[in-house]
């Protein structure tokens, strides 16, 4: 719970806090395991940081603890974003985002830099790995597309599959594929689509609820690159498509952008933006608004969880094969490059980030140095920058 209330900065920013909280302090997993989880989740659709957190719980206590860990991670952010749908008309979001949280984004970049430095020490083993890391950094910084993440990882794995001559440890344990989890994912996808279309064509009383669940479930099933990739999808679906279909947008562009600003100013997954959008799309009454928040949350997180818990045991089994084992060095190097590239991209989005912003660079450097050379818990670092934002 402490982590879910202090993890700012989006999926890449969360990695530094995971390193500090779950590797160094609690020792729930090793650095190598965290890199492996990150690499795997970057190749899946859905919320990568949420899936990584779920795998940490899964490793400690199986699927039950994995699901509980995921819920504890999601619920605080969902409650905050749901509550904001009721107050957004009365509170100037810019005041919160620009003042109280003005140091949070550069702080998050500092967490990313720290994570990149730490993971370099354990995962970059050869000149080939350095080359893959630099390539991934450039691609992430230049190619502004969510597809760059899985494609870069695949390229890295392909390169080291030919350059790495190591053999995996032999493992002959029997493995049973849990097809039921994938079956639930596909069944819900089909049923949600059918019910949504029936509700629209037959003008059901609660048609909007069925439509929204299908929309959010589809988003969670196909989106790569984290929560930021959801924004253009939701803009197209709930503004452009809705206007063409019904003559009015389900959410105004101004309210959508307000939600985007707010979700970057709170801890937790960026995917909780769907909680806010779901509520705003069903703001005809308080009850419907709460229902919309619930639909947005469940709809977007459910497919990623089903895919994760189906594929991860299969992935763990496949690592005993030479082609997968040799690819992991390149996969890990690509993830580190994605971290460096993400730090560059996030820095460029800061006020003054198009040039040299010495204030932001000071926050980034001091955060990374404190994390690297002291044992100060990550939540205290977050609180410090929040208090400084209020004071100045």
Protein backbone atom coordinates (compact mmCIF):
# COMPACT_ATOMS: atom_id res chain seq x y z
CA UNK A 1 0.00 0.00 0.00
CA UNK A 2 2.86 2.38 0.82
CA UNK A 3 4.27 1.87 -2.66
CA UNK A 4 0.91 2.46 -4.36
CA UNK A 5 0.54 5.81 -2.56
CA UNK A 6 4.00 7.13 -3.43
CA UNK A 7 4.80 5.73 -6.90
CA UNK A 8 4.74 8.79 -9.16
CA UNK A 9 6.04 9.21 -12.70
CA UNK A 10 4.30 6.64 -14.88
CA UNK A 11 5.55 3.16 -15.84
CA UNK A 12 9.21 4.11 -16.35
CA UNK A 13 9.31 6.21 -13.17
CA UNK A 14 7.83 3.32 -11.20
CA UNK A 15 10.80 1.10 -12.07
CA UNK A 16 13.18 3.07 -9.87
CA UNK A 17 10.78 2.81 -6.96
CA UNK A 18 10.36 -0.93 -7.53
CA UNK A 19 14.14 -1.29 -7.45
CA UNK A 20 14.32 0.61 -4.18
CA UNK A 21 11.25 -0.87 -2.50
CA UNK A 22 11.09 -4.51 -3.59
CA UNK A 23 14.73 -5.31 -4.41
CA UNK A 24 16.85 -3.32 -1.97
CA UNK A 25 14.56 -2.84 1.02
CA UNK A 26 12.16 -5.80 1.11
CA UNK A 27 14.22 -8.22 -1.01
CA UNK A 28 11.07 -9.77 -2.47
CA UNK A 29 12.92 -10.32 -5.76
CA UNK A 30 16.43 -9.95 -7.11
CA UNK A 31 17.59 -7.30 -9.57
CA UNK A 32 17.84 -9.95 -12.28
CA UNK A 33 14.28 -11.11 -11.65
CA UNK A 34 12.98 -7.54 -11.78
CA UNK A 35 14.71 -7.00 -15.13
CA UNK A 36 13.21 -10.25 -16.39
CA UNK A 37 9.71 -9.20 -15.29
CA UNK A 38 10.10 -5.75 -16.84
CA UNK A 39 11.30 -7.19 -20.13
CA UNK A 40 8.41 -9.66 -20.27
CA UNK A 41 5.74 -7.06 -19.42
CA UNK A 42 7.05 -4.60 -22.00
CA UNK A 43 6.19 -7.16 -24.67
CA UNK A 44 2.57 -7.53 -23.51
CA UNK A 45 -0.44 -5.30 -24.14
CA UNK A 46 -1.80 -3.56 -21.07
CA UNK A 47 -0.34 -1.61 -18.12
CA UNK A 48 3.29 -2.75 -17.91
CA UNK A 49 4.08 -1.35 -14.45
CA UNK A 50 0.87 -2.85 -13.02
CA UNK A 51 1.71 -6.21 -14.58
CA UNK A 52 5.23 -6.06 -13.11
CA UNK A 53 3.85 -5.36 -9.63
CA UNK A 54 1.43 -8.28 -10.03
CA UNK A 55 4.33 -10.60 -10.95
CA UNK A 56 6.20 -9.61 -7.78
CA UNK A 57 3.18 -10.74 -5.77
CA UNK A 58 2.82 -13.84 -7.96
CA UNK A 59 6.43 -14.80 -7.27
CA UNK A 60 5.90 -14.51 -3.50
CA UNK A 61 2.52 -16.24 -3.18
CA UNK A 62 1.15 -17.52 -6.45
CA UNK A 63 -1.80 -16.25 -8.44
CA UNK A 64 -3.94 -15.31 -5.40
CA UNK A 65 -1.29 -12.98 -3.97
CA UNK A 66 -0.56 -11.71 -7.48
CA UNK A 67 -4.19 -10.66 -7.92
CA UNK A 68 -4.36 -9.11 -4.43
CA UNK A 69 -1.15 -7.19 -5.09
CA UNK A 70 -2.60 -5.88 -8.34
CA UNK A 71 -5.78 -4.74 -6.59
CA UNK A 72 -3.86 -2.94 -3.83
CA UNK A 73 -1.83 -1.19 -6.53
CA UNK A 74 -4.86 -0.15 -8.62
CA UNK A 75 -7.49 0.81 -6.03
CA UNK A 76 -5.92 3.97 -4.48
CA UNK A 77 -5.31 5.62 -7.87
CA UNK A 78 -8.76 4.57 -9.10
CA UNK A 79 -10.44 6.07 -6.01
CA UNK A 80 -8.52 9.33 -6.43
CA UNK A 81 -9.31 9.64 -10.14
CA UNK A 82 -12.94 8.67 -9.51
CA UNK A 83 -13.28 11.34 -6.84
CA UNK A 84 -11.76 13.91 -9.18
CA UNK A 85 -14.60 13.39 -11.65
CA UNK A 86 -16.90 14.98 -9.04
CA UNK A 87 -14.66 17.94 -8.19
CA UNK A 88 -13.02 18.72 -11.53
CA UNK A 89 -15.73 21.28 -12.36
CA UNK A 90 -14.96 23.25 -9.20
CA UNK A 91 -11.18 22.96 -8.87
CA UNK A 92 -8.62 24.48 -11.21
CA UNK A 93 -6.52 21.42 -12.06
CA UNK A 94 -3.67 23.63 -13.29
CA UNK A 95 -3.13 24.93 -9.76
CA UNK A 96 -2.59 21.42 -8.44
CA UNK A 97 -0.51 20.19 -11.34
CA UNK A 98 1.69 23.25 -11.84
CA UNK A 99 2.33 24.17 -8.20
CA UNK A 100 2.07 21.35 -5.67
CA UNK A 101 3.35 18.74 -8.14
CA UNK A 102 5.78 20.89 -10.11
CA UNK A 103 8.85 18.96 -8.89
CA UNK A 104 7.27 15.51 -9.25
CA UNK A 105 7.93 14.97 -12.96
CA UNK A 106 11.66 15.84 -12.81
CA UNK A 107 11.83 13.69 -9.67
CA UNK A 108 10.31 10.82 -11.69
CA UNK A 109 13.02 11.29 -14.33
CA UNK A 110 15.57 10.98 -11.50
CA UNK A 111 14.04 7.63 -10.53
CA UNK A 112 14.34 6.48 -14.15
CA UNK A 113 18.02 7.52 -14.33
CA UNK A 114 18.69 5.66 -11.08
CA UNK A 115 16.96 2.51 -12.38
CA UNK A 116 18.87 2.68 -15.67
CA UNK A 117 22.23 3.00 -13.91
CA UNK A 118 21.50 0.14 -11.51
CA UNK A 119 20.24 -2.23 -14.17
CA UNK A 120 23.18 -1.46 -16.47
CA UNK A 121 25.50 -2.94 -13.85
CA UNK A 122 23.77 -6.31 -13.89
CA UNK A 123 22.48 -6.68 -17.45
CA UNK A 124 25.04 -5.14 -19.82
CA UNK A 125 27.66 -7.86 -20.28
CA UNK A 126 29.23 -7.20 -23.68
CA UNK A 127 29.85 -4.59 -26.38
CA UNK A 128 26.83 -6.02 -28.21
CA UNK A 129 24.67 -5.24 -25.17
CA UNK A 130 25.99 -1.66 -25.11
CA UNK A 131 25.15 -1.28 -28.80
CA UNK A 132 21.60 -2.60 -28.29
CA UNK A 133 21.11 -0.25 -25.32
CA UNK A 134 22.24 2.78 -27.36
CA UNK A 135 20.03 1.75 -30.30
CA UNK A 136 17.00 1.37 -28.01
CA UNK A 137 17.74 4.75 -26.41
CA UNK A 138 17.78 6.51 -29.79
CA UNK A 139 14.68 4.73 -31.08
CA UNK A 140 12.69 5.48 -27.91
CA UNK A 141 13.72 9.14 -27.92
CA UNK A 142 13.04 9.71 -31.63
CA UNK A 143 10.21 7.37 -32.64
CA UNK A 144 7.14 8.63 -30.74
CA UNK A 145 5.07 5.46 -31.11
CA UNK A 146 4.02 2.88 -28.49
CA UNK A 147 4.99 0.11 -30.90
CA UNK A 148 8.65 1.05 -30.49
CA UNK A 149 8.77 -0.77 -27.13
CA UNK A 150 7.91 -4.35 -28.18
CA UNK A 151 9.69 -3.96 -31.54
CA UNK A 152 12.91 -2.72 -29.92
CA UNK A 153 12.83 -5.59 -27.44
CA UNK A 154 12.34 -8.14 -30.21
CA UNK A 155 15.23 -6.65 -32.20
CA UNK A 156 17.50 -6.80 -29.14
CA UNK A 157 16.59 -10.42 -28.49
CA UNK A 158 17.17 -11.36 -32.12
CA UNK A 159 20.66 -9.81 -32.14
CA UNK A 160 21.95 -11.57 -29.03
CA UNK A 161 20.36 -14.85 -30.07
CA UNK A 162 23.09 -14.97 -32.74
CA UNK A 163 25.93 -13.36 -30.75
CA UNK A 164 25.41 -15.09 -27.37
CA UNK A 165 26.85 -18.63 -27.22
CA UNK A 166 25.75 -19.52 -23.66
CA UNK A 167 23.64 -22.58 -22.94
CA UNK A 168 20.67 -22.50 -20.55
CA UNK A 169 20.58 -24.65 -17.41
CA UNK A 170 18.74 -27.86 -18.24
CA UNK A 171 15.23 -28.10 -16.81
CA UNK A 172 13.00 -31.06 -17.60
CA UNK A 173 10.06 -30.26 -15.30
CA UNK A 174 6.68 -31.03 -16.82
CA UNK A 175 4.59 -28.00 -17.65
CA UNK A 176 0.84 -27.72 -18.03
CA UNK A 177 -0.52 -24.78 -20.02
CA UNK A 178 -3.47 -23.08 -18.30
CA UNK A 179 -5.63 -22.57 -21.38
CA UNK A 180 -8.60 -21.55 -19.22
CA UNK A 181 -7.10 -18.10 -18.52
CA UNK A 182 -6.67 -17.34 -22.21
CA UNK A 183 -10.16 -18.70 -22.83
CA UNK A 184 -11.68 -16.24 -20.35
CA UNK A 185 -9.84 -13.38 -22.06
CA UNK A 186 -11.18 -14.34 -25.50
CA UNK A 187 -14.70 -15.09 -24.23
CA UNK A 188 -15.04 -11.73 -22.48
CA UNK A 189 -13.67 -9.95 -25.57
CA UNK A 190 -16.29 -11.58 -27.84
CA UNK A 191 -19.24 -11.27 -25.43
CA UNK A 192 -18.43 -7.61 -24.67
CA UNK A 193 -18.36 -6.82 -28.39
CA UNK A 194 -21.64 -8.59 -29.11
CA UNK A 195 -23.49 -7.00 -26.16
CA UNK A 196 -22.13 -3.57 -27.02
CA UNK A 197 -23.39 -3.79 -30.58
CA UNK A 198 -26.79 -5.12 -29.50
CA UNK A 199 -27.12 -2.35 -26.93
CA UNK A 200 -26.33 0.29 -29.55
CA UNK A 201 -28.55 -1.01 -32.35
CA UNK A 202 -31.51 -1.86 -30.12
CA UNK A 203 -31.26 1.27 -27.93
CA UNK A 204 -31.04 -0.55 -24.60
CA UNK A 205 -31.71 1.61 -21.54
CA UNK A 206 -28.17 1.21 -20.23
CA UNK A 207 -26.51 0.95 -23.63
CA UNK A 208 -23.73 3.38 -22.72
CA UNK A 209 -22.49 1.12 -19.92
CA UNK A 210 -22.18 -1.85 -22.30
CA UNK A 211 -20.48 0.34 -24.92
CA UNK A 212 -17.97 1.71 -22.43
CA UNK A 213 -16.99 -1.71 -21.09
CA UNK A 214 -16.32 -2.94 -24.63
CA UNK A 215 -14.29 0.19 -25.40
CA UNK A 216 -12.11 -0.05 -22.31
CA UNK A 217 -11.65 -3.84 -22.56
CA UNK A 218 -10.56 -3.40 -26.17
CA UNK A 219 -8.12 -0.65 -25.17
CA UNK A 220 -6.58 -2.87 -22.47
CA UNK A 221 -6.28 -5.75 -24.95
CA UNK A 222 -4.39 -3.93 -27.71
CA UNK A 223 -2.49 -1.00 -26.21
CA UNK A 224 1.32 -1.16 -25.99
CA UNK A 225 3.62 1.42 -24.46
CA UNK A 226 1.82 2.21 -21.21
CA UNK A 227 -0.97 4.58 -20.31
CA UNK A 228 0.22 7.40 -22.54
CA UNK A 229 -0.79 5.38 -25.60
CA UNK A 230 -4.38 5.36 -24.31
CA UNK A 231 -4.81 9.10 -24.75
CA UNK A 232 -5.12 9.21 -28.57
CA UNK A 233 -7.32 6.08 -28.48
CA UNK A 234 -9.75 7.66 -26.04
CA UNK A 235 -9.75 10.95 -27.89
CA UNK A 236 -10.69 9.17 -31.12
CA UNK A 237 -13.32 6.93 -29.47
CA UNK A 238 -15.04 9.31 -27.07
CA UNK A 239 -14.70 12.60 -28.93
CA UNK A 240 -14.36 12.03 -32.69
CA UNK A 241 -16.26 8.74 -33.10
CA UNK A 242 -18.92 9.65 -30.55
CA UNK A 243 -19.55 13.01 -32.22
CA UNK A 244 -19.92 11.33 -35.62
CA UNK A 245 -22.24 8.65 -34.23
CA UNK A 246 -24.38 10.55 -31.73
CA UNK A 247 -23.80 14.19 -32.63
CA UNK A 248 -22.06 14.91 -29.31
CA UNK A 249 -18.84 13.89 -27.57
CA UNK A 250 -19.04 11.69 -24.47
CA UNK A 251 -16.28 13.77 -22.90
CA UNK A 252 -15.05 17.21 -23.89
CA UNK A 253 -11.48 17.66 -25.06
CA UNK A 254 -10.90 20.09 -22.18
CA UNK A 255 -12.02 17.54 -19.58
CA UNK A 256 -9.94 14.79 -21.19
CA UNK A 257 -6.82 16.95 -21.10
CA UNK A 258 -7.58 17.88 -17.48
CA UNK A 259 -7.66 14.15 -16.65
CA UNK A 260 -4.35 13.62 -18.45
CA UNK A 261 -2.78 16.37 -16.35
CA UNK A 262 -4.21 15.04 -13.09
CA UNK A 263 -3.22 11.41 -13.65
CA UNK A 264 0.40 12.50 -13.99
CA UNK A 265 0.14 14.32 -10.67
CA UNK A 266 -1.07 11.36 -8.58
CA UNK A 267 0.64 8.12 -7.59
CA UNK A 268 -0.23 4.81 -9.19
CA UNK A 269 -0.83 3.53 -12.71
CA UNK A 270 -1.44 5.95 -15.58
CA UNK A 271 -4.16 3.52 -16.72
CA UNK A 272 -6.30 4.93 -13.87
CA UNK A 273 -7.04 7.71 -16.37
CA UNK A 274 -9.72 5.29 -17.63
CA UNK A 275 -11.44 5.52 -14.23
CA UNK A 276 -11.73 9.27 -14.72
CA UNK A 277 -12.83 9.05 -18.36
CA UNK A 278 -15.41 6.37 -17.55
CA UNK A 279 -16.92 8.56 -14.87
CA UNK A 280 -16.96 11.65 -17.07
CA UNK A 281 -18.64 9.71 -19.88
CA UNK A 282 -21.47 8.70 -17.54
CA UNK A 283 -21.96 11.91 -15.54
CA UNK A 284 -25.76 12.04 -15.96
CA UNK A 285 -26.18 11.13 -12.26
CA UNK A 286 -23.91 10.37 -9.28
CA UNK A 287 -24.83 6.67 -9.42
CA UNK A 288 -24.08 6.45 -13.14
CA UNK A 289 -20.85 8.37 -12.60
CA UNK A 290 -19.64 5.86 -10.01
CA UNK A 291 -20.68 3.03 -12.34
CA UNK A 292 -18.69 4.63 -15.16
CA UNK A 293 -15.60 4.84 -12.94
CA UNK A 294 -15.98 1.15 -12.06
CA UNK A 295 -16.47 0.11 -15.70
CA UNK A 296 -13.43 2.09 -16.84
CA UNK A 297 -11.22 0.56 -14.16
CA UNK A 298 -12.28 -3.08 -14.56
CA UNK A 299 -12.53 -2.88 -18.34
CA UNK A 300 -9.00 -1.63 -18.95
CA UNK A 301 -7.11 -3.65 -16.29
CA UNK A 302 -8.84 -7.02 -16.68
CA UNK A 303 -7.48 -8.10 -20.11
CA UNK A 304 -3.88 -7.32 -19.19
CA UNK A 305 -4.19 -9.41 -16.02
CA UNK A 306 -5.68 -12.40 -17.86
CA UNK A 307 -2.99 -12.27 -20.55
CA UNK A 308 -0.26 -11.89 -17.92
CA UNK A 309 -1.24 -14.85 -15.77
CA UNK A 310 -1.67 -17.05 -18.85
CA UNK A 311 1.61 -16.20 -20.59
CA UNK A 312 4.04 -15.76 -17.67
CA UNK A 313 4.21 -19.44 -16.62
CA UNK A 314 4.61 -20.35 -20.30
CA UNK A 315 7.41 -17.76 -20.65
CA UNK A 316 9.19 -19.14 -17.57
CA UNK A 317 9.11 -22.61 -19.10
CA UNK A 318 10.33 -21.44 -22.50
CA UNK A 319 13.46 -19.86 -20.99
CA UNK A 320 15.04 -23.30 -20.74
CA UNK A 321 15.27 -23.33 -24.54
CA UNK A 322 18.45 -22.01 -26.12
CA UNK A 323 16.80 -19.54 -28.49
CA UNK A 324 14.92 -17.81 -25.65
CA UNK A 325 17.76 -17.98 -23.13
CA UNK A 326 20.25 -16.36 -25.50
CA UNK A 327 17.77 -13.66 -26.44
CA UNK A 328 17.37 -12.45 -22.84
CA UNK A 329 20.64 -10.49 -22.79
CA UNK A 330 19.47 -8.40 -25.74
CA UNK A 331 15.97 -8.07 -24.32
CA UNK A 332 17.33 -6.72 -21.03
CA UNK A 333 19.71 -4.35 -22.83
CA UNK A 334 16.81 -3.02 -24.90
CA UNK A 335 14.76 -2.37 -21.75
CA UNK A 336 17.63 -0.36 -20.28
CA UNK A 337 17.80 1.65 -23.51
CA UNK A 338 14.05 2.24 -23.26
CA UNK A 339 14.62 3.63 -19.75
CA UNK A 340 17.27 6.08 -20.98
CA UNK A 341 15.10 7.06 -23.95
CA UNK A 342 12.06 7.55 -21.71
CA UNK A 343 14.10 9.80 -19.42
CA UNK A 344 15.00 11.96 -22.43
CA UNK A 345 11.39 12.10 -23.65
CA UNK A 346 10.03 12.99 -20.20
CA UNK A 347 12.68 15.66 -19.75
CA UNK A 348 11.64 17.24 -23.06
CA UNK A 349 8.04 17.50 -21.81
CA UNK A 350 9.08 19.57 -18.78
CA UNK A 351 8.64 23.35 -18.84
CA UNK A 352 11.87 24.54 -20.42
CA UNK A 353 12.76 21.00 -21.45
CA UNK A 354 13.34 22.06 -25.05
CA UNK A 355 16.60 23.60 -23.86
CA UNK A 356 18.76 23.30 -20.74
CA UNK A 357 16.58 23.68 -17.65
CA UNK A 358 19.05 23.82 -14.77
CA UNK A 359 16.32 23.65 -12.12
CA UNK A 360 14.89 20.40 -13.51
CA UNK A 361 18.38 18.97 -14.02
CA UNK A 362 19.18 19.72 -10.37
CA UNK A 363 16.04 17.87 -9.23
CA UNK A 364 16.84 14.92 -11.53
CA UNK A 365 20.48 14.67 -10.49
CA UNK A 366 19.85 15.08 -6.76
CA UNK A 367 17.08 12.45 -6.81
CA UNK A 368 19.28 9.95 -8.64
CA UNK A 369 22.24 10.62 -6.33
CA UNK A 370 20.20 10.30 -3.14
CA UNK A 371 18.74 7.01 -4.37
CA UNK A 372 22.16 5.67 -5.38
CA UNK A 373 24.24 6.70 -2.38
CA UNK A 374 21.84 6.79 0.58
CA UNK A 375 19.29 4.47 2.16
CA UNK A 376 16.56 7.11 2.41
CA UNK A 377 13.23 5.36 1.61
CA UNK A 378 11.66 6.36 -1.70
CA UNK A 379 8.40 7.64 -0.08
CA UNK A 380 10.37 10.23 1.93
CA UNK A 381 11.98 11.49 -1.26
CA UNK A 382 8.54 11.92 -2.82
CA UNK A 383 7.23 13.74 0.27
CA UNK A 384 10.24 16.06 0.24
CA UNK A 385 9.59 17.21 -3.34
CA UNK A 386 5.87 17.59 -2.65
CA UNK A 387 6.55 19.79 0.38
CA UNK A 388 9.08 21.81 -1.60
CA UNK A 389 6.46 22.33 -4.33
CA UNK A 390 3.98 23.66 -1.78
CA UNK A 391 6.60 25.94 -0.23
CA UNK A 392 7.81 27.41 -3.51
